[in-house]
Amino acid sequence: MAANATPDVTPIGVVVAMESELQHLLHRVRPVRERRDGPWLDRFVSAGDVPLIALCSGIGMVNAAAGTEHLIGRHAPRAILNFGCAGAHRRDILPGDVIIGDGTVHHGAVHILASGEEFFPGKDYEVTGEVVASTELATDPTLRELTIEAAKGWTPEPWPQGLNLPSQVEQRAPQTHVGRVASADIWTQFHDRIDSLHARHGSLCEDMEAAAIAQVCGRHGVPFMTVKDISNNEFHALTDLEGDIEVLPAEEIGRRAADLLMRTIERIGVN
């Protein structure tokens, strides 16, 4: 076991969708051990005195929910943290910016009415008296405030010039925002649709995992927090989803969110 690990402290779980994102956390911690448990590889690591269990769940809502359930059921972490890349829901939010999640929303949980219109029930809703889902959930207020505090005086690393942005978009230093993360097994490129999601949910970005992780944590009463860094803004540059080129730059996605998350973990400490 690493010298700085504290074995009698309940660990914090970290759920990330992709190995390319998780590498940015693994480069900042001390490895302790690994354990294969069915489809899951549990990575036990130490961030200073704080023990973590890091899990790459795979992309998507089902994978994220299953991985979170595994971590909670097997290891009973004191909190679950999530980080990774996301697509912007506002034109002024650019690649390299970081989103501190104050809540999540499962934006795919809609009813398509007979008229063709969408009805989003929001929060808990019932069918024949049974609760279907918690589609809107706040992040843990203590973890959120610690993350906001950790962001004070911190500036994300600059996003590489021209990467995922056309030349006519003025380059600026990355910024930190606090707001809602929307999630579904959907990658939205249609501008009107992005605008409608932002108007309906107040969302700053979209991913494919955070709301599912939040829902599982909510059912277990486990504190949850998410931090996202923006990898693409479809208003400025449409991502080539049908080509052969790399869609997301592995060396960049998740790097800034991992940096802020490590600063947050320092403030969480072992207590």
Protein backbone atom coordinates (compact mmCIF):
# COMPACT_ATOMS: atom_id res chain seq x y z
CA MET A 1 0.00 0.00 0.00
CA ALA A 2 1.28 3.48 -0.80
CA ALA A 3 2.89 5.29 2.11
CA ASN A 4 0.39 8.15 2.03
CA ALA A 5 -2.74 5.96 1.91
CA THR A 6 -5.01 5.91 4.95
CA PRO A 7 -6.63 2.44 5.02
CA ASP A 8 -9.18 3.16 7.77
CA VAL A 9 -10.74 6.12 5.91
CA THR A 10 -13.83 5.40 3.83
CA PRO A 11 -12.89 5.93 0.18
CA ILE A 12 -14.41 8.32 -2.33
CA GLY A 13 -15.64 6.78 -5.58
CA VAL A 14 -14.85 8.36 -8.93
CA VAL A 15 -16.86 7.31 -11.98
CA VAL A 16 -15.62 8.37 -15.43
CA ALA A 17 -16.91 7.33 -18.85
CA MET A 18 -13.69 6.94 -20.83
CA GLU A 19 -10.14 5.78 -20.17
CA SER A 20 -8.88 8.83 -22.06
CA GLU A 21 -10.59 11.00 -19.43
CA LEU A 22 -9.61 8.87 -16.45
CA GLN A 23 -5.91 9.04 -17.35
CA HIS A 24 -5.87 12.68 -16.32
CA LEU A 25 -6.77 11.72 -12.74
CA LEU A 26 -4.53 8.64 -12.65
CA HIS A 27 -1.52 10.81 -13.54
CA ARG A 28 -2.17 12.89 -10.41
CA VAL A 29 -2.55 10.13 -7.79
CA ARG A 30 -0.55 7.28 -6.22
CA PRO A 31 -1.55 3.80 -7.37
CA VAL A 32 -2.30 1.33 -4.58
CA ARG A 33 -3.81 -1.76 -6.20
CA GLU A 34 -6.29 -2.94 -8.80
CA ARG A 35 -9.10 -5.45 -8.51
CA ARG A 36 -11.07 -7.03 -11.33
CA ASP A 37 -14.69 -7.66 -10.36
CA GLY A 38 -16.70 -9.06 -13.24
CA PRO A 39 -16.71 -6.41 -15.99
CA TRP A 40 -15.31 -3.76 -13.64
CA LEU A 41 -11.72 -2.79 -12.95
CA ASP A 42 -11.58 -1.06 -9.57
CA ARG A 43 -8.49 1.13 -9.29
CA PHE A 44 -7.58 1.86 -5.68
CA VAL A 45 -5.46 5.01 -5.57
CA SER A 46 -4.45 7.66 -3.07
CA ALA A 47 -4.72 11.43 -3.46
CA GLY A 48 -2.45 12.45 -0.60
CA ASP A 49 -4.14 10.94 2.45
CA VAL A 50 -7.50 10.50 0.70
CA PRO A 51 -8.26 7.00 -0.65
CA LEU A 52 -10.13 6.87 -3.95
CA ILE A 53 -11.63 4.08 -6.02
CA ALA A 54 -11.61 5.08 -9.67
CA LEU A 55 -13.82 3.31 -12.20
CA CYS A 56 -14.12 3.68 -15.96
CA SER A 57 -17.77 2.81 -16.54
CA GLY A 58 -17.94 3.11 -20.29
CA ILE A 59 -19.97 5.65 -22.24
CA GLY A 60 -23.71 6.04 -21.75
CA MET A 61 -26.43 6.16 -19.14
CA VAL A 62 -26.75 2.40 -18.58
CA ASN A 63 -22.99 1.90 -18.22
CA ALA A 64 -22.70 4.85 -15.84
CA ALA A 65 -25.61 3.67 -13.69
CA ALA A 66 -24.32 0.09 -13.57
CA GLY A 67 -20.79 1.19 -12.66
CA THR A 68 -22.08 3.49 -9.93
CA GLU A 69 -24.27 0.74 -8.48
CA HIS A 70 -21.24 -1.55 -8.46
CA LEU A 71 -19.08 0.95 -6.58
CA ILE A 72 -21.76 1.70 -4.00
CA GLY A 73 -22.80 -1.92 -3.49
CA ARG A 74 -19.27 -3.29 -3.30
CA HIS A 75 -17.35 -0.50 -1.57
CA ALA A 76 -19.86 1.85 0.14
CA PRO A 77 -17.96 5.06 -0.71
CA ARG A 78 -18.66 8.20 1.30
CA ALA A 79 -19.26 10.15 -1.92
CA ILE A 80 -19.23 9.69 -5.68
CA LEU A 81 -17.47 12.17 -7.95
CA ASN A 82 -17.77 12.34 -11.72
CA PHE A 83 -15.76 14.29 -14.27
CA GLY A 84 -15.20 14.31 -18.00
CA CYS A 85 -15.97 16.10 -21.23
CA ALA A 86 -19.23 17.67 -22.37
CA GLY A 87 -20.75 19.70 -25.20
CA ALA A 88 -21.73 23.32 -24.59
CA HIS A 89 -25.36 24.47 -24.47
CA ARG A 90 -24.55 28.16 -24.83
CA ARG A 91 -22.66 29.99 -27.55
CA ASP A 92 -20.39 31.79 -25.06
CA ILE A 93 -19.19 28.57 -23.40
CA LEU A 94 -16.11 27.40 -25.30
CA PRO A 95 -13.82 24.35 -25.36
CA GLY A 96 -11.55 24.48 -22.32
CA ASP A 97 -14.21 26.01 -20.07
CA VAL A 98 -15.12 24.06 -16.92
CA ILE A 99 -18.65 23.46 -15.60
CA ILE A 100 -19.19 22.97 -11.86
CA GLY A 101 -22.45 21.05 -11.77
CA ASP A 102 -25.07 22.42 -9.39
CA GLY A 103 -27.47 19.75 -10.64
CA THR A 104 -28.24 17.23 -13.34
CA VAL A 105 -31.23 16.57 -15.57
CA HIS A 106 -32.06 13.49 -17.63
CA HIS A 107 -33.21 15.40 -20.70
CA GLY A 108 -34.16 12.23 -22.58
CA ALA A 109 -36.96 11.44 -20.09
CA VAL A 110 -39.69 13.01 -22.22
CA HIS A 111 -43.14 11.97 -23.33
CA ILE A 112 -43.89 12.31 -27.03
CA LEU A 113 -47.53 13.31 -27.08
CA ALA A 114 -50.06 12.32 -29.75
CA SER A 115 -49.65 15.79 -31.21
CA GLY A 116 -45.94 15.16 -31.70
CA GLU A 117 -45.09 17.71 -29.03
CA GLU A 118 -42.76 16.89 -26.16
CA PHE A 119 -43.82 16.89 -22.54
CA PHE A 120 -41.07 16.86 -19.94
CA PRO A 121 -42.58 15.91 -16.55
CA GLY A 122 -39.53 16.88 -14.50
CA LYS A 123 -38.40 15.58 -11.11
CA ASP A 124 -40.38 12.61 -9.78
CA TYR A 125 -43.38 11.55 -11.79
CA GLU A 126 -45.76 8.63 -11.46
CA VAL A 127 -47.43 6.05 -13.65
CA THR A 128 -50.30 4.11 -11.99
CA GLY A 129 -49.10 5.40 -8.64
CA GLU A 130 -45.48 4.28 -8.99
CA VAL A 131 -42.55 6.71 -9.19
CA VAL A 132 -40.77 6.35 -12.54
CA ALA A 133 -37.62 8.39 -12.02
CA SER A 134 -35.97 11.42 -10.49
CA THR A 135 -35.12 13.28 -13.66
CA GLU A 136 -33.79 16.45 -11.97
CA LEU A 137 -31.39 16.21 -9.05
CA ALA A 138 -29.20 18.76 -7.28
CA THR A 139 -25.60 17.93 -6.53
CA ASP A 140 -24.52 17.68 -2.92
CA PRO A 141 -24.38 21.24 -1.52
CA THR A 142 -21.28 20.65 0.60
CA LEU A 143 -19.32 19.12 -2.28
CA ARG A 144 -20.56 21.86 -4.60
CA GLU A 145 -19.36 24.62 -2.30
CA LEU A 146 -15.99 22.89 -1.85
CA THR A 147 -15.63 22.72 -5.64
CA ILE A 148 -16.56 26.37 -6.06
CA GLU A 149 -14.04 27.26 -3.35
CA ALA A 150 -11.40 25.13 -5.08
CA ALA A 151 -11.98 27.06 -8.30
CA LYS A 152 -11.22 30.42 -6.70
CA GLY A 153 -7.87 31.71 -7.88
CA TRP A 154 -7.55 28.80 -10.32
CA THR A 155 -7.51 29.19 -14.08
CA PRO A 156 -7.96 26.17 -16.36
CA GLU A 157 -5.11 25.47 -18.74
CA PRO A 158 -5.50 27.18 -22.12
CA TRP A 159 -7.29 25.19 -24.81
CA PRO A 160 -5.00 24.55 -27.81
CA GLN A 161 -5.34 27.24 -30.46
CA GLY A 162 -7.71 26.21 -33.24
CA LEU A 163 -8.64 22.83 -31.76
CA ASN A 164 -12.41 22.21 -32.15
CA LEU A 165 -12.88 25.90 -32.90
CA PRO A 166 -12.88 27.75 -36.22
CA SER A 167 -10.34 30.53 -36.68
CA GLN A 168 -13.01 33.26 -36.64
CA VAL A 169 -13.88 32.52 -33.00
CA GLU A 170 -11.74 34.72 -30.80
CA GLN A 171 -9.50 32.71 -28.49
CA ARG A 172 -9.73 33.53 -24.79
CA ALA A 173 -8.63 32.06 -21.49
CA PRO A 174 -10.88 29.22 -20.26
CA GLN A 175 -13.56 30.16 -17.76
CA THR A 176 -15.37 28.37 -14.94
CA HIS A 177 -19.18 28.27 -14.82
CA VAL A 178 -21.66 26.91 -12.27
CA GLY A 179 -24.82 25.33 -13.65
CA ARG A 180 -26.80 22.29 -14.65
CA VAL A 181 -25.49 19.31 -16.63
CA ALA A 182 -27.98 17.65 -18.99
CA SER A 183 -27.54 13.95 -19.77
CA ALA A 184 -28.98 11.38 -22.18
CA ASP A 185 -27.75 8.83 -24.70
CA ILE A 186 -27.96 11.62 -27.26
CA TRP A 187 -25.36 13.84 -28.93
CA THR A 188 -27.19 17.03 -29.92
CA GLN A 189 -25.94 19.06 -32.89
CA PHE A 190 -29.13 20.76 -34.14
CA HIS A 191 -28.88 24.35 -32.95
CA ASP A 192 -32.59 24.86 -32.33
CA ARG A 193 -32.65 21.72 -30.23
CA ILE A 194 -29.69 22.84 -28.13
CA ASP A 195 -31.40 26.18 -27.58
CA SER A 196 -34.62 24.46 -26.52
CA LEU A 197 -32.78 22.19 -24.07
CA HIS A 198 -31.07 25.20 -22.52
CA ALA A 199 -34.36 27.10 -22.31
CA ARG A 200 -36.21 24.15 -20.77
CA HIS A 201 -33.59 23.00 -18.29
CA GLY A 202 -31.22 25.92 -17.79
CA SER A 203 -28.46 23.50 -18.79
CA LEU A 204 -24.95 24.70 -19.57
CA CYS A 205 -23.76 21.49 -21.22
CA GLU A 206 -24.65 17.91 -22.08
CA ASP A 207 -22.98 14.56 -21.48
CA MET A 208 -24.12 10.94 -21.42
CA GLU A 209 -23.54 9.92 -17.80
CA ALA A 210 -23.92 12.49 -15.00
CA ALA A 211 -27.70 12.31 -14.52
CA ALA A 212 -27.62 8.50 -14.38
CA ILE A 213 -24.88 8.55 -11.74
CA ALA A 214 -26.81 11.17 -9.78
CA GLN A 215 -29.98 9.07 -9.84
CA VAL A 216 -28.23 5.97 -8.47
CA CYS A 217 -26.48 8.05 -5.80
CA GLY A 218 -29.81 9.62 -4.89
CA ARG A 219 -31.45 6.25 -4.36
CA HIS A 220 -28.64 5.24 -2.00
CA GLY A 221 -28.31 8.60 -0.25
CA VAL A 222 -24.68 8.95 -1.37
CA PRO A 223 -23.41 12.52 -1.90
CA PHE A 224 -22.67 13.26 -5.56
CA MET A 225 -20.78 15.93 -7.46
CA THR A 226 -19.92 16.38 -11.15
CA VAL A 227 -17.35 18.57 -12.93
CA LYS A 228 -17.22 18.79 -16.71
CA ASP A 229 -14.87 20.42 -19.15
CA ILE A 230 -16.15 21.54 -22.52
CA SER A 231 -14.72 19.67 -25.50
CA ASN A 232 -17.06 20.95 -28.23
CA ASN A 233 -19.50 23.71 -29.02
CA GLU A 234 -21.70 22.70 -31.93
CA PHE A 235 -22.80 26.32 -32.49
CA HIS A 236 -19.28 27.15 -33.65
CA ALA A 237 -17.95 23.91 -35.13
CA LEU A 238 -19.98 20.80 -35.89
CA THR A 239 -18.22 17.67 -34.70
CA ASP A 240 -17.64 15.18 -37.51
CA LEU A 241 -19.55 12.19 -36.16
CA GLU A 242 -19.41 10.22 -39.40
CA GLY A 243 -15.79 10.69 -40.42
CA ASP A 244 -12.69 8.67 -39.59
CA ILE A 245 -10.87 11.35 -37.64
CA GLU A 246 -10.69 11.38 -33.85
CA VAL A 247 -13.89 13.01 -32.60
CA LEU A 248 -12.47 14.19 -29.27
CA PRO A 249 -8.81 14.99 -28.48
CA ALA A 250 -7.81 12.35 -25.91
CA GLU A 251 -4.95 14.43 -24.56
CA GLU A 252 -7.32 17.29 -23.68
CA ILE A 253 -10.75 15.92 -22.71
CA GLY A 254 -11.24 15.70 -18.97
CA ARG A 255 -7.88 17.26 -18.16
CA ARG A 256 -9.16 20.52 -16.74
CA ALA A 257 -12.04 18.87 -14.89
CA ALA A 258 -9.60 16.38 -13.33
CA ASP A 259 -7.40 19.26 -12.20
CA LEU A 260 -10.30 21.02 -10.46
CA LEU A 261 -11.55 17.74 -8.98
CA MET A 262 -8.15 17.09 -7.41
CA ARG A 263 -8.25 20.54 -5.84
CA THR A 264 -11.70 19.69 -4.47
CA ILE A 265 -10.52 16.35 -3.05
CA GLU A 266 -7.77 18.21 -1.18
CA ARG A 267 -10.50 20.24 0.53
CA ILE A 268 -12.64 17.18 1.28
CA GLY A 269 -9.69 15.57 3.05
CA VAL A 270 -10.03 12.47 5.24
CA ASN A 271 -12.81 13.76 7.51
